[in-house]
Amino acid sequence: MTQPRQFVIEADGGSRGNPGPAGYGAVVIDPVTGETLAEAAEYIGVATNNVAEYKGLIAGLKAAKALVPDASADGALQVRVRMDSKLVVEQMSGRWKIKHPDMKPLAAEAARILPASAVTYEWIPREKNKHADRLANEAMDAGKRGKQWEPSASTASLDTPRSPAASALPPVSGPPGDAAAGAAKARAALASRPAAASPAAPQVGWGAAPDLGAPATFVLLRHGETALTPEKRFSGSGGGDPELSAAGRHQAECIARSLADRGTVEEIVSSPLRRCRETAAAVAARLGLEVRIEEGLRETDFGAWEGLTFAEVRERYGADLDAWLASAKVAPTGGGESFAEVARRVSATRDRLTTRYAGRTVLLVTHVTPIKTLVRLALGAPPEAMFRMELSAASVSAVAYYADGNASVRLLNDTSHLR
């Protein structure tokens, strides 16, 4: 009976700020000789430690799978994963429940790479995970310089034995001869692969499409509730400037926690209105970022309708309301802004921000009309589509803008963080 190939994977991930600039490292090791068979590392932008650690695990498992052609077959491969993340080890071992919604897809991705029977997990102290930790830091350092990590940056190579302590790892199982033969074949397979095939973890959250380059991704956050929100009153930029209610402040904290756990937001830009600035401040406090104010993200000026319900506007200004609903070029009573005017303002703002934040993920804290306008324009939908979108308080939507002028709507009206 053919003995399974045996590898040890050591993986790590880190974030300088949690969330902050983050990267991962993973290494595949021959458990008999201690030789390095494959390395993987990547700078992943702003992320949390947990996201980076899971990405390191995924990259390590993919690297091991790439070394064995029939790795997915039962009994073909046996891997021992060693990590200093107690969270990842316990969750992947099935002893801890995975509660966080952003961790579940990462764990599921890792579990799909190899058969469950082929992988075991072991916690090790950080000082015994120095190789993967070094790779993660190299990746973060490369990212800081605006470059990608490359294997040449590492002092390890396929022909360089690891330290005596690393070489003393006990075999996973099976006779040493089979493990050594497997290691030799693994090195040959690795050497024959093109550099572009180096394993890397997939982008999580609002990631880039590699064939189009990194987009400017706008995470569109509607502000939390004010006293006017539950009463469905027109609340634009032409009336008062209400603050967040107690419910709105709670919503802002919920989304702040969610975005901190997701770890993808790199910049925050807010409407100048108070309800947005307060929502943005809650997120900024969690992420350790500053808030830039952008006048173009303010809400529509609803003129004489400010503070009124739809029914009250219908009663007082019925003909004006009908005309407004029928044409994007008609402004509310009393000199407010038409949707066409708002679209021109928002489009100009979009163009400035996509140029400024090319390749970055930016949180835009704004209002119903600007968000619906950005989504409508991205879809190429007509103005009447504005009335066919639901946009809840403190909801999240997302649009990615590519250098070729194309846009991709990634998300609309997500309120899962409020449940």
Protein backbone atom coordinates (compact mmCIF):
# COMPACT_ATOMS: atom_id res chain seq x y z
CA MET A 1 0.00 0.00 0.00
CA THR A 2 1.39 3.38 -0.95
CA GLN A 3 2.17 5.55 2.04
CA PRO A 4 0.70 9.09 2.04
CA ARG A 5 2.98 12.03 1.40
CA GLN A 6 3.62 13.86 4.65
CA PHE A 7 4.15 17.59 5.12
CA VAL A 8 4.24 20.03 7.96
CA ILE A 9 2.73 23.45 7.32
CA GLU A 10 3.65 26.39 9.50
CA ALA A 11 1.54 29.49 8.93
CA ASP A 12 1.19 32.89 10.48
CA GLY A 13 -0.38 36.26 9.81
CA GLY A 14 -0.06 39.64 11.41
CA SER A 15 -1.46 43.14 11.39
CA ARG A 16 0.37 46.27 12.45
CA GLY A 17 -2.59 47.92 14.12
CA ASN A 18 -5.27 45.18 14.19
CA PRO A 19 -6.68 46.26 11.87
CA GLY A 20 -3.74 47.75 10.07
CA PRO A 21 -1.25 46.92 7.31
CA ALA A 22 -1.29 43.13 7.27
CA GLY A 23 0.39 40.15 5.69
CA TYR A 24 0.75 36.41 6.00
CA GLY A 25 3.44 33.80 5.63
CA ALA A 26 3.30 30.05 5.18
CA VAL A 27 5.93 27.37 4.70
CA VAL A 28 5.64 23.69 3.70
CA ILE A 29 8.27 21.50 5.37
CA ASP A 30 9.55 17.96 4.94
CA PRO A 31 8.99 16.56 8.46
CA VAL A 32 11.95 14.16 8.16
CA THR A 33 14.70 16.36 6.73
CA GLY A 34 13.32 19.72 7.85
CA GLU A 35 13.81 21.08 4.33
CA THR A 36 11.63 23.89 3.05
CA LEU A 37 9.53 22.65 0.14
CA ALA A 38 7.49 25.78 -0.55
CA GLU A 39 6.93 29.26 0.80
CA ALA A 40 4.06 31.68 0.34
CA ALA A 41 3.65 35.23 1.61
CA GLU A 42 1.55 38.23 0.67
CA TYR A 43 0.81 41.77 1.78
CA ILE A 44 -3.00 42.00 1.96
CA GLY A 45 -3.57 45.66 2.79
CA VAL A 46 -5.45 46.69 5.91
CA ALA A 47 -6.82 43.66 7.76
CA THR A 48 -7.09 42.13 11.22
CA ASN A 49 -4.75 39.54 12.72
CA ASN A 50 -7.42 36.85 12.40
CA VAL A 51 -7.99 37.52 8.71
CA ALA A 52 -4.24 37.45 8.05
CA GLU A 53 -3.81 34.20 10.02
CA TYR A 54 -6.58 32.47 8.11
CA LYS A 55 -5.13 33.67 4.82
CA GLY A 56 -1.77 32.21 5.84
CA LEU A 57 -3.43 28.89 6.60
CA ILE A 58 -5.23 28.87 3.23
CA ALA A 59 -2.02 29.70 1.37
CA GLY A 60 -0.11 26.94 3.19
CA LEU A 61 -2.74 24.31 2.45
CA LYS A 62 -2.84 25.32 -1.21
CA ALA A 63 0.95 25.19 -1.42
CA ALA A 64 0.96 21.66 0.04
CA LYS A 65 -1.78 20.54 -2.32
CA ALA A 66 0.12 21.92 -5.32
CA LEU A 67 3.08 19.66 -4.50
CA VAL A 68 1.07 16.43 -4.74
CA PRO A 69 -0.90 15.88 -7.97
CA ASP A 70 -3.50 13.56 -6.37
CA ALA A 71 -3.63 15.44 -3.03
CA SER A 72 -7.44 15.50 -2.94
CA ALA A 73 -7.66 11.72 -2.95
CA ASP A 74 -8.13 10.06 0.43
CA GLY A 75 -4.82 8.73 1.74
CA ALA A 76 -2.65 10.60 -0.76
CA LEU A 77 -1.45 13.30 1.60
CA GLN A 78 -1.18 13.84 5.34
CA VAL A 79 -0.51 17.31 6.69
CA ARG A 80 0.14 18.62 10.17
CA VAL A 81 -0.59 22.34 10.46
CA ARG A 82 1.31 24.17 13.17
CA MET A 83 0.22 27.70 14.09
CA ASP A 84 0.58 30.03 17.07
CA SER A 85 -3.01 31.22 16.63
CA LYS A 86 -5.05 29.41 19.26
CA LEU A 87 -8.22 30.74 17.63
CA VAL A 88 -7.51 29.27 14.20
CA VAL A 89 -6.23 25.95 15.56
CA GLU A 90 -9.23 25.43 17.85
CA GLN A 91 -11.77 26.55 15.26
CA MET A 92 -10.33 24.40 12.49
CA SER A 93 -10.06 21.43 14.88
CA GLY A 94 -13.79 21.76 15.56
CA ARG A 95 -13.39 22.45 19.27
CA TRP A 96 -14.42 26.12 19.13
CA LYS A 97 -17.52 27.36 17.40
CA ILE A 98 -16.93 29.88 14.63
CA LYS A 99 -19.25 32.74 15.54
CA HIS A 100 -17.93 35.66 13.55
CA PRO A 101 -19.56 35.88 10.10
CA ASP A 102 -16.31 36.97 8.44
CA MET A 103 -14.40 33.98 9.83
CA LYS A 104 -16.90 31.38 8.63
CA PRO A 105 -16.14 31.67 4.89
CA LEU A 106 -12.40 31.66 5.59
CA ALA A 107 -12.65 28.49 7.66
CA ALA A 108 -14.88 26.92 5.02
CA GLU A 109 -12.36 27.79 2.31
CA ALA A 110 -9.54 26.20 4.29
CA ALA A 111 -11.60 23.08 4.97
CA ARG A 112 -12.34 22.55 1.26
CA ILE A 113 -8.72 22.47 0.11
CA LEU A 114 -7.88 18.98 1.40
CA PRO A 115 -9.94 16.11 2.83
CA ALA A 116 -10.63 16.59 6.53
CA SER A 117 -8.93 13.27 7.31
CA ALA A 118 -5.70 14.56 5.75
CA VAL A 119 -5.18 17.54 8.06
CA THR A 120 -4.49 17.86 11.77
CA TYR A 121 -3.87 21.05 13.72
CA GLU A 122 -1.38 21.81 16.44
CA TRP A 123 -0.82 24.95 18.47
CA ILE A 124 2.79 26.04 18.90
CA PRO A 125 4.21 29.03 20.79
CA ARG A 126 5.20 32.02 18.70
CA GLU A 127 8.92 31.45 19.17
CA LYS A 128 8.56 28.11 17.36
CA ASN A 129 6.80 29.72 14.41
CA LYS A 130 9.59 32.08 13.42
CA HIS A 131 9.84 31.03 9.77
CA ALA A 132 6.20 31.83 8.95
CA ASP A 133 6.33 34.93 11.12
CA ARG A 134 9.38 36.17 9.24
CA LEU A 135 7.64 35.62 5.91
CA ALA A 136 4.60 37.56 7.11
CA ASN A 137 6.80 40.47 8.19
CA GLU A 138 8.71 40.40 4.91
CA ALA A 139 5.40 40.64 3.09
CA MET A 140 4.28 43.57 5.24
CA ASP A 141 7.60 45.33 4.73
CA ALA A 142 7.33 44.81 0.95
CA GLY A 143 3.78 46.17 1.02
CA LYS A 144 4.93 49.23 2.89
CA ARG A 145 7.33 49.92 0.01
CA GLY A 146 4.54 49.42 -2.52
CA LYS A 147 5.93 46.11 -3.72
CA GLN A 148 4.86 42.47 -3.65
CA TRP A 149 6.75 39.87 -1.63
CA GLU A 150 8.96 37.63 -3.75
CA PRO A 151 10.69 34.38 -2.71
CA SER A 152 14.08 35.99 -3.32
CA ALA A 153 13.41 38.21 -0.32
CA SER A 154 13.63 35.14 1.92
CA THR A 155 16.84 33.62 3.25
CA ALA A 156 15.34 30.13 2.98
CA SER A 157 15.57 28.05 -0.21
CA LEU A 158 14.62 24.59 -1.38
CA ASP A 159 18.21 23.41 -0.96
CA THR A 160 18.85 24.94 2.46
CA PRO A 161 18.08 22.78 5.50
CA ARG A 162 16.22 24.43 8.34
CA SER A 163 17.67 24.87 11.78
CA PRO A 164 18.51 21.75 13.84
CA ALA A 165 15.45 22.37 16.01
CA ALA A 166 13.22 22.48 12.95
CA SER A 167 14.90 19.46 11.42
CA ALA A 168 14.15 17.49 14.57
CA LEU A 169 10.39 17.55 13.91
CA PRO A 170 9.01 14.04 14.42
CA PRO A 171 7.63 12.36 11.28
CA VAL A 172 3.88 12.52 10.80
CA SER A 173 3.80 8.78 10.14
CA GLY A 174 5.25 6.13 7.86
CA PRO A 175 8.83 5.12 7.07
CA PRO A 176 11.48 7.82 6.51
CA GLY A 177 12.33 6.52 3.05
CA ASP A 178 8.88 7.27 1.70
CA ALA A 179 8.91 10.77 3.23
CA ALA A 180 12.31 11.56 1.75
CA ALA A 181 11.21 10.31 -1.67
CA GLY A 182 8.09 12.39 -1.41
CA ALA A 183 10.13 15.45 -0.52
CA ALA A 184 12.35 14.96 -3.56
CA LYS A 185 9.33 14.68 -5.84
CA ALA A 186 7.76 17.70 -4.18
CA ARG A 187 10.85 19.80 -4.81
CA ALA A 188 10.92 18.71 -8.46
CA ALA A 189 7.24 19.56 -8.87
CA LEU A 190 7.73 22.94 -7.27
CA ALA A 191 10.72 23.76 -9.42
CA SER A 192 8.79 22.89 -12.58
CA ARG A 193 5.89 25.24 -11.82
CA PRO A 194 5.93 28.78 -13.28
CA ALA A 195 6.29 31.61 -10.79
CA ALA A 196 2.75 32.80 -11.48
CA ALA A 197 1.43 29.54 -10.04
CA SER A 198 2.72 30.33 -6.55
CA PRO A 199 -0.23 29.74 -4.18
CA ALA A 200 -1.87 32.77 -2.66
CA ALA A 201 -4.95 33.17 -0.52
CA PRO A 202 -8.01 34.70 -2.19
CA GLN A 203 -8.96 38.27 -1.41
CA VAL A 204 -11.63 38.46 1.28
CA GLY A 205 -14.34 41.06 1.42
CA TRP A 206 -14.25 43.70 -1.29
CA GLY A 207 -11.28 42.36 -3.20
CA ALA A 208 -9.72 43.05 -6.57
CA ALA A 209 -10.28 41.19 -9.81
CA PRO A 210 -6.70 40.31 -10.89
CA ASP A 211 -7.34 40.63 -14.62
CA LEU A 212 -8.51 44.25 -14.32
CA GLY A 213 -6.13 45.46 -11.65
CA ALA A 214 -7.01 46.75 -8.21
CA PRO A 215 -10.15 48.91 -8.29
CA ALA A 216 -11.09 51.85 -6.16
CA THR A 217 -13.71 50.20 -3.97
CA PHE A 218 -16.30 52.38 -2.26
CA VAL A 219 -17.95 50.84 0.77
CA LEU A 220 -21.11 52.96 0.98
CA LEU A 221 -22.44 53.39 4.49
CA ARG A 222 -25.71 55.15 5.13
CA HIS A 223 -25.57 57.02 8.45
CA GLY A 224 -27.35 55.73 11.54
CA GLU A 225 -30.82 56.78 12.56
CA THR A 226 -31.80 60.26 13.70
CA ALA A 227 -35.09 61.18 15.36
CA LEU A 228 -36.52 61.79 11.86
CA THR A 229 -35.57 58.42 10.38
CA PRO A 230 -38.24 56.15 11.94
CA GLU A 231 -40.92 58.71 11.03
CA LYS A 232 -39.74 58.62 7.39
CA ARG A 233 -39.46 62.39 7.12
CA PHE A 234 -37.56 64.16 4.37
CA SER A 235 -34.18 64.97 5.90
CA GLY A 236 -31.74 66.51 3.47
CA SER A 237 -29.16 69.25 3.50
CA GLY A 238 -31.60 72.14 3.26
CA GLY A 239 -33.18 71.90 6.70
CA GLY A 240 -31.85 71.18 10.17
CA ASP A 241 -28.78 69.09 10.84
CA PRO A 242 -30.01 66.41 13.25
CA GLU A 243 -27.68 64.32 15.37
CA LEU A 244 -27.80 60.56 15.72
CA SER A 245 -30.44 59.21 18.06
CA ALA A 246 -29.60 56.61 20.73
CA ALA A 247 -30.57 53.94 18.19
CA GLY A 248 -28.37 55.58 15.60
CA ARG A 249 -25.37 55.64 17.93
CA HIS A 250 -25.86 51.95 18.64
CA GLN A 251 -26.03 51.25 14.92
CA ALA A 252 -22.81 53.19 14.38
CA GLU A 253 -21.04 51.07 17.00
CA CYS A 254 -22.34 47.87 15.40
CA ILE A 255 -21.03 48.77 11.97
CA ALA A 256 -17.76 49.97 13.48
CA ARG A 257 -17.21 46.56 15.06
CA SER A 258 -18.14 44.79 11.85
CA LEU A 259 -15.78 46.84 9.69
CA ALA A 260 -12.96 46.43 12.21
CA ASP A 261 -13.41 42.65 12.11
CA ARG A 262 -13.56 42.63 8.31
CA GLY A 263 -10.36 44.66 8.17
CA THR A 264 -10.51 45.94 4.59
CA VAL A 265 -11.24 49.67 4.92
CA GLU A 266 -8.19 51.87 4.35
CA GLU A 267 -9.69 55.38 4.25
CA ILE A 268 -12.84 57.11 5.53
CA VAL A 269 -14.63 59.95 3.73
CA SER A 270 -17.81 61.52 5.11
CA SER A 271 -20.59 63.87 4.18
CA PRO A 272 -20.33 67.15 6.11
CA LEU A 273 -23.71 66.63 7.80
CA ARG A 274 -23.65 65.82 11.49
CA ARG A 275 -25.34 62.41 11.32
CA CYS A 276 -22.69 61.18 8.90
CA ARG A 277 -19.78 62.74 10.77
CA GLU A 278 -20.93 61.06 13.99
CA THR A 279 -21.31 57.69 12.26
CA ALA A 280 -17.91 58.08 10.61
CA ALA A 281 -16.30 59.04 13.92
CA ALA A 282 -17.48 55.80 15.54
CA VAL A 283 -15.91 53.76 12.74
CA ALA A 284 -12.74 55.84 12.68
CA ALA A 285 -12.23 55.30 16.41
CA ARG A 286 -12.31 51.55 15.86
CA LEU A 287 -10.09 51.52 12.79
CA GLY A 288 -7.60 54.15 13.93
CA LEU A 289 -8.20 56.23 10.80
CA GLU A 290 -8.89 59.90 10.14
CA VAL A 291 -12.09 61.17 8.54
CA ARG A 292 -11.94 63.34 5.43
CA ILE A 293 -14.99 65.55 4.78
CA GLU A 294 -16.34 65.67 1.23
CA GLU A 295 -19.02 68.26 0.43
CA GLY A 296 -20.14 66.33 -2.63
CA LEU A 297 -21.47 63.52 -0.44
CA ARG A 298 -24.14 65.64 1.27
CA GLU A 299 -27.80 64.70 0.96
CA THR A 300 -30.24 66.29 -1.48
CA ASP A 301 -31.68 69.67 -0.56
CA PHE A 302 -35.40 68.89 -0.27
CA GLY A 303 -36.44 72.54 -0.11
CA ALA A 304 -39.81 73.15 1.52
CA TRP A 305 -40.28 69.44 2.08
CA GLU A 306 -37.56 69.23 4.73
CA GLY A 307 -38.91 67.66 7.92
CA LEU A 308 -42.22 66.57 6.35
CA THR A 309 -43.50 63.06 5.78
CA PHE A 310 -44.41 61.87 2.30
CA ALA A 311 -48.09 62.09 3.22
CA GLU A 312 -47.69 65.66 4.45
CA VAL A 313 -45.93 66.65 1.21
CA ARG A 314 -48.70 64.96 -0.77
CA GLU A 315 -51.30 66.95 1.15
CA ARG A 316 -49.56 70.33 0.87
CA TYR A 317 -47.70 70.13 -2.45
CA GLY A 318 -49.46 67.36 -4.38
CA ALA A 319 -48.85 68.72 -7.88
CA ASP A 320 -45.18 69.44 -7.15
CA LEU A 321 -44.71 65.95 -5.74
CA ASP A 322 -46.26 64.33 -8.82
CA ALA A 323 -43.97 66.33 -11.08
CA TRP A 324 -40.92 65.37 -8.96
CA LEU A 325 -41.81 61.68 -9.10
CA ALA A 326 -42.27 61.89 -12.86
CA SER A 327 -38.98 63.59 -13.79
CA ALA A 328 -35.46 63.59 -12.39
CA LYS A 329 -35.10 67.17 -13.63
CA VAL A 330 -37.81 68.56 -11.32
CA ALA A 331 -36.71 69.99 -7.96
CA PRO A 332 -38.73 69.84 -4.73
CA THR A 333 -40.87 72.83 -3.82
CA GLY A 334 -39.02 75.92 -2.71
CA GLY A 335 -35.76 75.66 -4.63
CA GLY A 336 -34.41 72.28 -3.59
CA GLU A 337 -32.20 70.03 -5.74
CA SER A 338 -33.47 67.79 -8.51
CA PHE A 339 -32.15 64.24 -8.79
CA ALA A 340 -30.43 65.29 -12.02
CA GLU A 341 -28.52 68.00 -10.14
CA VAL A 342 -27.60 65.54 -7.41
CA ALA A 343 -26.40 63.05 -10.03
CA ARG A 344 -24.06 65.65 -11.55
CA ARG A 345 -22.67 66.54 -8.12
CA VAL A 346 -22.24 62.92 -7.06
CA SER A 347 -20.67 61.93 -10.41
CA ALA A 348 -18.06 64.67 -10.09
CA THR A 349 -17.35 63.57 -6.53
CA ARG A 350 -17.08 59.94 -7.62
CA ASP A 351 -14.57 60.83 -10.32
CA ARG A 352 -12.39 62.80 -7.90
CA LEU A 353 -12.44 60.05 -5.30
CA THR A 354 -11.77 57.17 -7.71
CA THR A 355 -8.72 59.03 -8.97
CA ARG A 356 -7.52 59.86 -5.48
CA TYR A 357 -8.09 56.36 -4.08
CA ALA A 358 -7.24 54.14 -7.05
CA GLY A 359 -6.54 50.61 -5.83
CA ARG A 360 -7.80 51.31 -2.31
CA THR A 361 -10.89 50.44 -0.29
CA VAL A 362 -12.64 53.56 1.03
CA LEU A 363 -15.60 53.91 3.36
CA LEU A 364 -17.95 56.66 2.18
CA VAL A 365 -20.34 57.67 4.95
CA THR A 366 -23.22 59.39 3.25
CA HIS A 367 -27.00 59.43 2.64
CA VAL A 368 -29.79 57.69 0.78
CA THR A 369 -29.73 59.74 -2.42
CA PRO A 370 -25.95 59.77 -3.01
CA ILE A 371 -25.71 56.01 -2.38
CA LYS A 372 -28.65 55.20 -4.65
CA THR A 373 -27.20 57.51 -7.28
CA LEU A 374 -23.80 55.76 -7.21
CA VAL A 375 -25.46 52.35 -7.47
CA ARG A 376 -27.79 53.51 -10.26
CA LEU A 377 -24.95 54.98 -12.29
CA ALA A 378 -22.80 51.88 -11.79
CA LEU A 379 -25.63 49.72 -13.12
CA GLY A 380 -26.45 52.08 -15.96
CA ALA A 381 -30.03 52.18 -14.68
CA PRO A 382 -32.51 55.00 -15.42
CA PRO A 383 -33.36 57.66 -12.82
CA GLU A 384 -36.62 55.94 -11.86
CA ALA A 385 -34.54 53.07 -10.45
CA MET A 386 -33.95 55.34 -7.46
CA PHE A 387 -37.49 54.60 -6.28
CA ARG A 388 -36.97 50.84 -6.55
CA MET A 389 -34.09 50.52 -4.07
CA GLU A 390 -34.44 49.95 -0.35
CA LEU A 391 -31.70 51.53 1.74
CA SER A 392 -31.93 51.09 5.50
CA ALA A 393 -30.26 53.22 8.14
CA ALA A 394 -26.68 52.08 8.82
CA SER A 395 -26.79 49.73 5.82
CA VAL A 396 -23.72 48.90 3.74
CA SER A 397 -23.46 48.76 -0.03
CA ALA A 398 -20.32 48.51 -2.17
CA VAL A 399 -19.23 49.47 -5.68
CA ALA A 400 -15.83 48.82 -7.27
CA TYR A 401 -14.49 51.16 -9.98
CA TYR A 402 -11.85 49.91 -12.41
CA ALA A 403 -9.28 51.82 -14.41
CA ASP A 404 -11.02 50.97 -17.69
CA GLY A 405 -14.13 52.87 -16.55
CA ASN A 406 -16.20 49.84 -15.67
CA ALA A 407 -17.96 49.52 -12.33
CA SER A 408 -19.16 46.49 -10.38
CA VAL A 409 -21.88 46.61 -7.72
CA ARG A 410 -20.72 44.22 -5.01
CA LEU A 411 -23.33 44.70 -2.29
CA LEU A 412 -26.58 46.52 -1.61
CA ASN A 413 -28.36 47.33 1.66
CA ASP A 414 -26.52 44.83 3.88
CA THR A 415 -27.72 45.13 7.49
CA SER A 416 -26.39 41.81 8.82
CA HIS A 417 -24.16 43.67 11.28
CA LEU A 418 -27.26 45.05 13.02
CA ARG A 419 -28.71 41.63 13.80
